[in-house]
């Protein structure tokens, strides 16, 4: 069975492929140019992305949108993490939280649609952590965002970028939320393949 993933991000492909391997599902990359709607709602953005991708491919497809939320900054940068990285960068984000609470979270929404569904199916997770005092580690292929250089997951003392690939994979397997979107989707999808809507 093949499933398309509308993304240019190799880390996202690897992450979902790990979850779907045991169900004999191959994840194929569909690096489409998708216009992202201006919204701070990751569900709304994921919905528009997956509907656009399905319209282009006419095949079972998933799309993901993620946001990064810092409560002490009224949630900034929300769904605009890439824009924040392009403009003020990691250093700018760290400067904004100086002398403020450093708790933060990733929010993800994975949306799926195929010809038998009227509306996309959504899988959402919240990955909590704190911001490091400075940039730590180095970018690696399995990381889906530069924010991994400053994000320390709950109950850890390393940023995602400081973890070895093995540590990162173990974190995604053992953390309830680290790959909840992919894990929950994979469980649902395996049952759905047996009995489509």
Protein backbone atom coordinates (compact mmCIF):
# COMPACT_ATOMS: atom_id res chain seq x y z
CA UNK A 1 0.00 0.00 0.00
CA UNK A 2 1.25 3.49 -0.84
CA UNK A 3 0.41 6.77 0.80
CA UNK A 4 1.46 10.20 -0.41
CA UNK A 5 2.79 12.87 1.95
CA UNK A 6 2.54 16.44 0.67
CA UNK A 7 5.81 17.84 2.02
CA UNK A 8 9.33 18.81 0.98
CA UNK A 9 10.61 17.94 4.46
CA UNK A 10 12.53 14.65 4.56
CA UNK A 11 12.36 14.49 8.38
CA UNK A 12 8.55 14.38 8.25
CA UNK A 13 8.64 11.55 5.69
CA UNK A 14 11.05 9.48 7.83
CA UNK A 15 9.00 10.05 10.96
CA UNK A 16 5.73 8.85 9.40
CA UNK A 17 7.44 5.97 7.56
CA UNK A 18 8.73 4.62 10.91
CA UNK A 19 5.17 4.51 12.22
CA UNK A 20 3.69 2.89 9.10
CA UNK A 21 6.40 0.27 8.37
CA UNK A 22 4.75 -2.40 10.52
CA UNK A 23 1.54 -1.98 8.50
CA UNK A 24 3.34 -2.43 5.14
CA UNK A 25 2.52 1.09 4.03
CA UNK A 26 5.11 2.94 1.94
CA UNK A 27 5.17 6.71 2.33
CA UNK A 28 5.89 8.52 -0.94
CA UNK A 29 6.94 12.14 -1.03
CA UNK A 30 4.80 14.61 -2.97
CA UNK A 31 6.87 17.83 -2.88
CA UNK A 32 4.08 20.09 -4.13
CA UNK A 33 4.17 23.90 -4.09
CA UNK A 34 1.31 24.57 -1.68
CA UNK A 35 0.16 28.06 -0.84
CA UNK A 36 -0.38 28.25 2.93
CA UNK A 37 -3.39 30.20 4.13
CA UNK A 38 -2.74 33.05 6.57
CA UNK A 39 -4.04 31.55 9.79
CA UNK A 40 -2.68 30.73 13.24
CA UNK A 41 -4.88 27.59 13.34
CA UNK A 42 -2.81 24.51 12.42
CA UNK A 43 -5.98 22.45 11.75
CA UNK A 44 -7.28 24.97 9.21
CA UNK A 45 -3.90 25.12 7.46
CA UNK A 46 -3.52 21.30 7.41
CA UNK A 47 -7.03 21.02 5.95
CA UNK A 48 -6.33 23.41 3.10
CA UNK A 49 -2.96 21.78 2.37
CA UNK A 50 -4.38 18.24 2.22
CA UNK A 51 -7.37 19.28 0.08
CA UNK A 52 -5.03 21.06 -2.36
CA UNK A 53 -2.72 18.00 -2.48
CA UNK A 54 -5.61 15.60 -3.04
CA UNK A 55 -6.95 17.80 -5.83
CA UNK A 56 -3.52 17.62 -7.51
CA UNK A 57 -2.77 13.91 -6.92
CA UNK A 58 -6.19 12.20 -6.73
CA UNK A 59 -4.54 9.65 -4.43
CA UNK A 60 -4.62 8.98 -0.65
CA UNK A 61 -2.57 11.79 0.86
CA UNK A 62 -1.58 13.36 4.16
CA UNK A 63 -0.38 16.88 4.92
CA UNK A 64 0.88 18.27 8.19
CA UNK A 65 0.96 21.69 9.68
CA UNK A 66 2.78 22.52 12.87
CA UNK A 67 3.01 25.56 15.03
CA UNK A 68 5.34 26.57 17.83
CA UNK A 69 3.74 28.28 20.81
CA UNK A 70 5.43 30.24 23.61
CA UNK A 71 2.83 31.18 26.27
CA UNK A 72 4.95 33.99 27.77
CA UNK A 73 4.89 35.66 24.31
CA UNK A 74 1.09 35.30 23.97
CA UNK A 75 1.66 32.16 21.90
CA UNK A 76 4.10 33.72 19.39
CA UNK A 77 5.11 32.56 16.80
CA UNK A 78 2.10 30.17 16.58
CA UNK A 79 1.66 28.79 13.03
CA UNK A 80 4.17 31.37 11.74
CA UNK A 81 7.30 29.60 13.02
CA UNK A 82 8.95 29.54 9.57
CA UNK A 83 8.30 33.26 9.13
CA UNK A 84 9.78 33.94 12.59
CA UNK A 85 12.85 31.86 11.70
CA UNK A 86 13.31 33.71 8.38
CA UNK A 87 12.98 37.15 9.99
CA UNK A 88 14.27 37.22 13.57
CA UNK A 89 15.84 33.75 13.61
CA UNK A 90 16.54 31.56 16.61
CA UNK A 91 18.58 34.32 18.26
CA UNK A 92 15.61 36.68 17.99
CA UNK A 93 13.25 34.16 19.55
CA UNK A 94 15.67 33.58 22.43
CA UNK A 95 16.05 37.35 22.91
CA UNK A 96 12.27 37.75 23.18
CA UNK A 97 12.04 35.23 26.03
CA UNK A 98 14.88 36.68 28.09
CA UNK A 99 13.65 37.07 31.70
CA UNK A 100 10.36 35.34 30.80
CA UNK A 101 9.02 31.84 31.35
CA UNK A 102 10.59 29.51 28.81
CA UNK A 103 7.91 26.83 28.53
CA UNK A 104 6.75 26.16 24.97
CA UNK A 105 5.11 23.55 22.80
CA UNK A 106 4.85 22.27 19.26
CA UNK A 107 1.32 21.69 18.03
CA UNK A 108 0.88 19.43 15.07
CA UNK A 109 -2.10 18.51 12.92
CA UNK A 110 -1.84 15.69 10.38
CA UNK A 111 -4.73 15.64 7.91
CA UNK A 112 -5.65 12.69 5.67
CA UNK A 113 -8.07 12.38 2.78
CA UNK A 114 -8.90 9.92 0.02
CA UNK A 115 -11.79 9.41 -2.42
CA UNK A 116 -14.02 7.67 0.13
CA UNK A 117 -13.95 10.51 2.70
CA UNK A 118 -16.13 13.62 2.40
CA UNK A 119 -13.90 15.57 4.79
CA UNK A 120 -10.31 15.14 5.97
CA UNK A 121 -9.57 13.13 9.11
CA UNK A 122 -7.37 14.99 11.65
CA UNK A 123 -4.74 13.83 14.15
CA UNK A 124 -3.47 16.44 16.62
CA UNK A 125 -0.72 16.47 19.24
CA UNK A 126 0.92 18.89 21.68
CA UNK A 127 4.64 18.36 22.37
CA UNK A 128 5.67 20.28 25.47
CA UNK A 129 9.12 21.46 26.44
CA UNK A 130 11.24 24.46 27.38
CA UNK A 131 13.49 26.80 25.42
CA UNK A 132 17.22 26.43 25.89
CA UNK A 133 19.22 29.52 26.94
CA UNK A 134 21.22 29.35 23.69
CA UNK A 135 21.42 27.39 20.42
CA UNK A 136 22.65 23.86 21.14
CA UNK A 137 23.50 20.93 18.85
CA UNK A 138 23.51 20.80 15.06
CA UNK A 139 20.84 20.35 12.41
CA UNK A 140 20.31 16.76 11.34
CA UNK A 141 18.27 15.21 8.53
CA UNK A 142 15.63 13.72 10.86
CA UNK A 143 14.82 17.09 12.47
CA UNK A 144 11.85 18.83 10.88
CA UNK A 145 12.68 22.35 12.08
CA UNK A 146 15.60 24.53 13.17
CA UNK A 147 13.63 25.00 16.39
CA UNK A 148 15.10 21.60 17.36
CA UNK A 149 18.29 23.58 18.12
CA UNK A 150 16.56 25.39 21.03
CA UNK A 151 13.72 23.02 22.01
CA UNK A 152 14.29 20.78 25.06
CA UNK A 153 11.47 18.20 25.38
CA UNK A 154 9.77 17.69 28.73
CA UNK A 155 11.79 15.41 31.06
CA UNK A 156 15.00 15.83 29.01
CA UNK A 157 18.08 18.01 29.40
CA UNK A 158 19.16 18.00 25.73
CA UNK A 159 17.76 19.89 22.77
CA UNK A 160 16.42 17.72 19.96
CA UNK A 161 19.50 18.74 17.95
CA UNK A 162 21.86 17.48 20.68
CA UNK A 163 20.32 14.01 20.63
CA UNK A 164 21.93 11.28 18.57
CA UNK A 165 19.66 9.78 15.91
CA UNK A 166 19.15 6.77 18.20
CA UNK A 167 18.20 9.00 21.16
CA UNK A 168 15.81 10.96 18.94
CA UNK A 169 14.10 7.77 17.69
CA UNK A 170 13.87 6.48 21.28
CA UNK A 171 12.33 9.79 22.39
CA UNK A 172 9.68 9.57 19.65
CA UNK A 173 8.92 5.96 20.66
CA UNK A 174 8.77 6.48 24.42
CA UNK A 175 7.26 9.95 24.68
CA UNK A 176 3.47 9.93 24.69
CA UNK A 177 3.29 13.03 22.51
CA UNK A 178 6.58 13.06 20.58
CA UNK A 179 5.07 11.36 17.57
CA UNK A 180 1.46 11.06 18.67
CA UNK A 181 0.13 12.46 15.41
CA UNK A 182 2.00 9.89 13.32
CA UNK A 183 1.40 7.04 15.77
CA UNK A 184 -2.32 7.75 16.14
CA UNK A 185 -2.70 8.14 12.39
CA UNK A 186 -0.84 4.85 11.75
CA UNK A 187 -3.11 2.93 14.15
CA UNK A 188 -6.24 4.46 12.65
CA UNK A 189 -5.01 3.96 9.07
CA UNK A 190 -4.20 0.28 9.58
CA UNK A 191 -7.81 -0.33 10.73
CA UNK A 192 -9.19 1.95 8.00
CA UNK A 193 -7.37 -0.04 5.29
CA UNK A 194 -9.13 -3.19 6.52
CA UNK A 195 -12.52 -1.48 6.54
CA UNK A 196 -12.66 1.79 4.55
CA UNK A 197 -15.48 4.22 5.27
